[in-house]
Protein backbone atom coordinates (compact mmCIF):
# COMPACT_ATOMS: atom_id res chain seq x y z
CA MET A 1 156.87 121.99 -30.03
CA LEU A 2 153.50 121.64 -27.58
CA PHE A 3 152.98 125.32 -27.32
CA LYS A 4 153.95 125.94 -31.02
CA ILE A 5 151.06 123.48 -32.24
CA ILE A 6 148.92 125.32 -29.74
CA ILE A 7 149.29 128.99 -30.86
CA ALA A 8 149.14 127.67 -34.77
CA MET A 9 145.72 125.89 -34.22
CA LEU A 10 144.24 128.66 -32.50
CA ALA A 11 145.25 131.23 -35.02
CA PHE A 12 143.47 128.74 -37.63
CA ALA A 13 140.29 128.44 -35.61
CA ALA A 14 140.69 132.32 -35.34
CA ASN A 15 140.43 132.42 -38.98
CA SER A 16 137.27 130.37 -39.22
CA VAL A 17 135.78 132.82 -36.62
CA LEU A 18 136.82 135.91 -38.21
CA CYS A 19 135.72 135.02 -41.51
CA ARG A 20 132.61 133.62 -40.44
CA LEU A 21 131.66 136.69 -38.47
CA ALA A 22 132.50 138.96 -41.03
CA LEU A 23 130.36 136.87 -43.89
CA ALA A 24 127.36 136.33 -41.47
CA GLY A 25 127.35 139.90 -40.66
CA GLN A 26 127.29 140.78 -44.20
CA GLN A 27 130.03 142.84 -43.76
CA ILE A 28 132.09 142.16 -46.58
CA ASP A 29 131.70 139.45 -49.46
CA PRO A 30 133.91 136.51 -50.21
CA MET A 31 136.44 137.64 -52.75
CA SER A 32 137.18 141.11 -50.89
CA PHE A 33 137.97 139.07 -47.84
CA SER A 34 140.07 136.82 -49.46
CA LEU A 35 141.79 140.03 -51.41
CA LEU A 36 142.29 141.78 -48.20
CA ARG A 37 143.26 139.13 -46.35
CA VAL A 38 146.04 137.87 -48.50
CA LEU A 39 147.45 141.17 -49.25
CA SER A 40 147.60 142.05 -45.41
CA GLY A 41 149.05 138.63 -45.01
CA ALA A 42 151.99 139.51 -48.05
CA VAL A 43 152.52 142.76 -46.22
CA VAL A 44 153.23 141.57 -42.62
CA LEU A 45 155.33 138.81 -44.08
CA MET A 46 157.14 141.27 -46.06
CA PHE A 47 158.14 143.53 -42.94
CA LEU A 48 158.94 140.37 -40.91
CA TYR A 49 161.38 139.33 -43.84
CA PHE A 50 163.22 142.71 -43.88
CA ALA A 51 163.16 142.87 -40.24
CA HIS A 52 165.05 139.74 -40.27
CA ARG A 53 167.54 140.80 -42.92
CA ARG A 54 168.66 143.54 -41.03
CA ARG A 55 169.20 141.55 -37.96
CA SER A 56 170.70 138.46 -39.72
CA GLU A 57 174.30 137.94 -41.06
CA ASN A 58 173.25 135.52 -43.48
CA PRO A 59 169.77 136.53 -45.14
CA LEU A 60 167.39 134.15 -46.01
CA LYS A 61 166.69 133.69 -49.72
CA ILE A 62 163.55 134.07 -51.05
CA GLU A 63 162.13 130.49 -52.45
CA TRP A 64 159.34 131.32 -55.08
CA ASN A 65 156.94 128.55 -56.09
CA LEU A 66 154.04 129.45 -57.91
CA LYS A 67 152.62 125.90 -57.07
CA ASN A 68 152.35 126.28 -53.33
CA ALA A 69 151.08 129.93 -54.25
CA ILE A 70 148.18 128.59 -56.10
CA TYR A 71 147.59 125.83 -53.37
CA LEU A 72 147.17 128.84 -51.09
CA ALA A 73 145.27 130.81 -53.18
CA VAL A 74 142.71 128.24 -53.55
CA TYR A 75 142.60 127.57 -50.09
CA ILE A 76 141.79 131.25 -49.16
CA VAL A 77 139.15 131.78 -52.05
CA ALA A 78 137.34 128.56 -51.56
CA PHE A 79 137.31 129.04 -47.49
CA SER A 80 135.87 132.41 -47.86
CA MET A 81 133.31 131.25 -50.34
CA ALA A 82 132.04 128.43 -48.20
CA TYR A 83 131.74 130.40 -44.96
CA LEU A 84 128.68 132.26 -46.48
CA LYS A 85 126.26 129.45 -46.08
CA ILE A 86 127.74 127.40 -43.07
CA ASN A 87 129.10 127.97 -39.72
CA ALA A 88 132.51 128.39 -38.04
CA GLY A 89 132.49 125.20 -36.28
CA VAL A 90 131.16 122.85 -39.25
CA GLY A 91 133.21 124.46 -41.85
CA ALA A 92 136.18 124.08 -39.96
CA LEU A 93 135.20 120.52 -39.31
CA LEU A 94 134.74 119.81 -43.07
CA LEU A 95 137.96 121.81 -43.69
CA PHE A 96 140.20 119.81 -41.43
CA GLY A 97 138.53 116.23 -41.64
CA THR A 98 139.13 116.64 -45.56
CA VAL A 99 142.78 117.98 -44.63
CA GLN A 100 143.27 114.77 -42.26
CA LEU A 101 141.98 112.03 -44.50
CA SER A 102 144.09 113.21 -47.37
CA MET A 103 147.25 114.04 -45.52
CA VAL A 104 146.97 110.52 -43.97
CA ALA A 105 146.04 109.02 -47.09
CA TYR A 106 149.56 110.64 -48.62
CA GLY A 107 151.54 109.80 -46.02
CA ILE A 108 150.81 105.89 -46.09
CA PHE A 109 151.03 106.04 -49.27
CA HIS A 110 154.39 107.46 -49.19
CA GLY A 111 155.72 104.70 -46.54
CA GLU A 112 154.66 106.11 -43.34
CA LYS A 113 154.25 103.46 -40.81
CA VAL A 114 151.20 103.74 -38.28
CA ASN A 115 151.60 101.85 -35.04
CA LEU A 116 148.71 100.57 -32.97
CA MET A 117 148.51 103.99 -30.44
CA CYS A 118 148.38 106.10 -33.56
CA GLY A 119 145.91 104.11 -35.31
CA ILE A 120 143.47 103.69 -32.17
CA GLY A 121 144.01 107.82 -32.37
CA LEU A 122 143.32 108.09 -35.62
CA VAL A 123 139.78 106.26 -35.28
CA VAL A 124 138.94 108.00 -32.02
CA ALA A 125 139.40 111.36 -33.64
CA VAL A 126 137.36 110.39 -37.01
CA LEU A 127 134.72 108.81 -34.86
CA GLY A 128 134.52 112.46 -32.76
CA ILE A 129 133.77 114.06 -36.34
CA LEU A 130 131.51 111.36 -37.24
CA PHE A 131 129.39 111.51 -33.83
CA LEU A 132 129.35 115.32 -34.67
CA LEU A 133 127.50 114.68 -38.02
CA LEU A 134 125.24 111.97 -37.31
CA PRO A 135 121.47 112.65 -38.56
CA GLY A 136 119.75 114.74 -36.49
CA ALA A 137 122.18 117.90 -36.39
CA ASN A 138 121.33 120.44 -39.07
CA THR A 139 122.87 119.33 -42.19
CA PRO A 140 125.23 122.00 -43.65
CA ASN A 141 124.59 123.06 -47.50
CA LEU A 142 125.68 120.40 -49.39
CA PHE A 143 127.57 122.94 -52.16
CA TYR A 144 129.20 124.97 -50.07
CA SER A 145 130.35 122.29 -47.86
CA PHE A 146 131.83 120.67 -51.29
CA ILE A 147 133.60 124.35 -52.00
CA MET A 148 135.07 123.84 -48.16
CA MET A 149 136.52 120.44 -48.97
CA ILE A 150 138.11 121.56 -52.15
CA SER A 151 139.80 124.24 -49.48
CA GLY A 152 140.71 121.21 -47.24
CA LEU A 153 142.26 119.59 -50.39
CA ALA A 154 144.39 122.71 -51.33
CA TRP A 155 145.48 123.24 -47.46
CA ALA A 156 146.63 119.47 -47.56
CA ALA A 157 148.59 120.02 -50.55
CA TYR A 158 150.18 123.46 -48.85
CA SER A 159 151.29 121.42 -45.41
CA ILE A 160 152.63 118.77 -47.54
CA ALA A 161 154.59 121.37 -49.63
CA GLY A 162 155.82 122.87 -46.36
CA LYS A 163 157.91 119.81 -45.38
CA THR A 164 160.41 120.59 -48.43
CA MET A 165 160.77 124.43 -47.68
CA LEU A 166 164.45 125.64 -46.40
CA SER A 167 163.06 128.39 -44.50
CA PRO A 168 159.39 128.84 -43.31
CA LEU A 169 159.49 132.79 -43.52
CA SER A 170 161.03 133.34 -47.02
CA SER A 171 158.87 130.60 -48.37
CA THR A 172 155.78 131.76 -46.56
CA LEU A 173 156.25 135.35 -47.91
CA ALA A 174 156.99 134.34 -51.40
CA ASN A 175 153.55 131.92 -51.43
CA PHE A 176 151.91 135.17 -50.08
CA VAL A 177 153.35 137.42 -52.62
CA LEU A 178 152.71 135.15 -55.81
CA ALA A 179 149.04 134.44 -54.23
CA VAL A 180 148.07 137.95 -54.60
CA PRO A 181 148.09 138.02 -58.51
CA VAL A 182 146.12 134.88 -58.20
CA VAL A 183 143.56 135.90 -55.77
CA SER A 184 143.25 139.17 -57.78
CA LEU A 185 142.27 137.13 -61.13
CA GLY A 186 139.71 135.11 -59.01
CA PHE A 187 138.35 138.92 -57.80
CA VAL A 188 137.89 139.88 -61.25
CA LEU A 189 136.36 136.44 -62.24
CA PHE A 190 133.73 135.74 -59.39
CA ALA A 191 133.27 138.67 -57.53
CA LYS A 192 129.71 139.93 -57.50
CA ASP A 193 127.57 142.12 -55.17
CA VAL A 194 131.01 143.50 -53.86
CA LEU A 195 130.49 144.80 -50.37
CA ILE A 196 133.15 146.30 -48.18
CA LEU A 197 131.83 147.64 -44.91
CA PRO A 198 134.61 148.91 -42.18
CA GLN A 199 133.77 146.09 -39.57
CA GLY A 200 134.53 143.73 -42.82
CA ILE A 201 138.07 145.35 -43.82
CA VAL A 202 139.19 145.07 -40.00
CA LEU A 203 138.30 141.25 -39.87
CA ALA A 204 139.83 140.68 -43.05
CA LEU A 205 142.83 142.43 -42.02
CA LEU A 206 143.30 140.42 -38.78
CA SER A 207 142.57 137.44 -40.56
CA GLY A 208 145.66 137.97 -42.78
CA GLY A 209 148.00 140.29 -41.10
CA LEU A 210 147.61 138.33 -37.60
CA ALA A 211 146.16 134.70 -38.07
CA SER A 212 147.46 133.83 -41.23
CA SER A 213 150.66 135.19 -41.98
CA GLY A 214 152.46 134.49 -38.45
CA ALA A 215 150.26 131.49 -38.07
CA TYR A 216 151.63 129.80 -41.47
CA ILE A 217 155.42 130.50 -40.42
CA LEU A 218 154.69 128.74 -37.19
CA TRP A 219 153.26 126.01 -39.03
CA TYR A 220 155.92 125.53 -41.79
CA SER A 221 158.25 125.05 -39.07
CA ILE A 222 156.24 122.32 -37.38
CA VAL A 223 155.47 120.35 -40.17
CA GLN A 224 158.84 119.99 -41.23
CA LYS A 225 159.69 118.41 -37.82
CA ILE A 226 156.71 115.86 -37.37
CA ASP A 227 155.49 113.61 -39.65
CA ARG A 228 152.22 114.11 -42.20
CA ILE A 229 149.96 111.78 -40.07
CA THR A 230 150.70 113.70 -36.71
CA ALA A 231 150.31 117.03 -38.69
CA SER A 232 147.09 116.21 -40.34
CA THR A 233 145.36 114.86 -36.84
CA VAL A 234 146.68 117.86 -34.77
CA GLN A 235 144.83 120.09 -36.87
CA LEU A 236 141.56 118.34 -35.89
CA SER A 237 141.76 120.10 -32.95
CA VAL A 238 140.75 123.22 -34.99
CA PRO A 239 136.93 122.39 -35.72
CA CYS A 240 136.68 122.08 -31.84
CA LEU A 241 137.89 125.55 -31.27
CA ALA A 242 135.98 127.13 -33.94
CA ILE A 243 133.12 125.37 -32.49
CA LEU A 244 134.17 127.15 -29.33
CA GLY A 245 134.59 130.50 -30.91
CA GLY A 246 131.51 130.38 -32.89
CA SER A 247 129.58 130.23 -29.98
CA LEU A 248 131.22 132.91 -28.32
CA PHE A 249 131.65 135.52 -30.67
CA ILE A 250 129.09 134.52 -33.36
CA GLY A 251 126.19 133.10 -31.22
CA GLU A 252 126.36 129.63 -32.83
CA VAL A 253 125.20 127.81 -29.52
CA PRO A 254 127.28 124.34 -28.96
CA ASN A 255 125.12 121.61 -27.84
CA PHE A 256 125.80 118.54 -25.96
CA ARG A 257 127.18 116.89 -29.35
CA MET A 258 129.30 119.40 -29.99
CA ILE A 259 130.74 119.41 -26.77
CA ALA A 260 131.17 115.59 -26.73
CA SER A 261 132.73 115.38 -30.17
CA THR A 262 135.16 118.01 -29.13
CA VAL A 263 136.56 115.80 -26.16
CA ILE A 264 136.80 112.67 -28.34
CA VAL A 265 138.62 114.51 -31.15
CA LEU A 266 140.95 115.63 -28.66
CA VAL A 267 141.56 112.54 -27.16
CA GLY A 268 142.27 111.02 -30.60
CA ILE A 269 144.88 113.93 -31.30
CA LEU A 270 146.72 113.46 -28.11
CA LEU A 271 146.91 109.69 -28.73
CA VAL A 272 148.58 110.38 -32.11
CA ILE A 273 150.96 113.07 -30.54
CA PHE A 274 152.08 110.47 -27.73
CA SER A 275 152.29 107.56 -30.45
CA SER A 276 154.82 110.31 -32.70
CA SER A 277 156.78 110.92 -29.59
CA HIS A 278 157.24 107.64 -28.65
CA LYS A 279 158.19 106.08 -32.02
CA LYS A 280 160.76 108.84 -32.31
CA THR A 281 162.14 107.70 -28.59
CA HIS A 282 162.10 104.14 -29.26
CA HIS A 283 164.31 104.61 -32.75
CA GLU A 284 166.36 107.03 -30.61
C-alpha cells in the first residue's frame, strides 16, 4: 500500500510541474492544456480497459457517473487556469491544503474518529503549510489562488466519491470520457488567446496520458482502503514534491523555509499513516 501511495503522490506532483512548465514557458494556453490532458487520459484509459477485457473472464462494467465527471472537469480546468500565475509548489500547496481541510471536515462530519496520534499528525502537517505561508514569502496572486482552491474542492469531492466505486479502472474511464464534453464546453466558453506549441502538446499529453490516467486508477484503489482523513493528509506530500520538482525543472528555487516546511509536513503525514495502521491493528 505504501508503495502505491508513493507512486500516486509522485504522479500528482508531476501534474503540477508539467502544467506549470507548459504555462510558464508559454507553450500552451490553460484551456488547450486541459482539453489535451483529459482527451489523452481518456484514450489511455480506454486502451487499458479493453486490454483488461481481453484478459478477463469477467469484464468490468463501466460505471457512468456525470457528477464525478463534472468534479474531474472542474478540477482539471481550474488547475490549469490557476497555474498561469502561481508556481508549482505554491499551487500544489493551495490545492492539497484545500483538499485536506475539506476531506477532514467531511470525514469528521460523517463520524470518522480522530485518535491522539492522528490529531497530532494533522496539526503538524497544517503547521508545516502555515510555516511556508508566513509573511515574508512571496504572496501568491489571490485571484488565481482562489481558482486553485476551487480545484482543490473539486478534487476532494472526486476523491470522496472514489470510495464508493466498484472498479477503479472502469469508473476512472467513465469519468474521463464524460469529462471530455464538459471540458470541451469550457474550452468553447473560456478559451482566449489560444496557443498550442509542440512542447506544450507533449507536456499536456504526458500529464493526461501518464501522470493522470494511471495515477487516478491507482488513487481510486487506494481511497477505497483507507479512511478520508488519511487519504487527505497523505496528499499533503504533493506540495513538498512539487516544490522539489519546480526547483529542478522550472528553476523555482527552494529556500530554507520550503525545505523546513517539507520536513514538517512529511512528519505529520507519517504520524497520520501510523495512527491509521495502529487503529486497524487495534480493532483486529
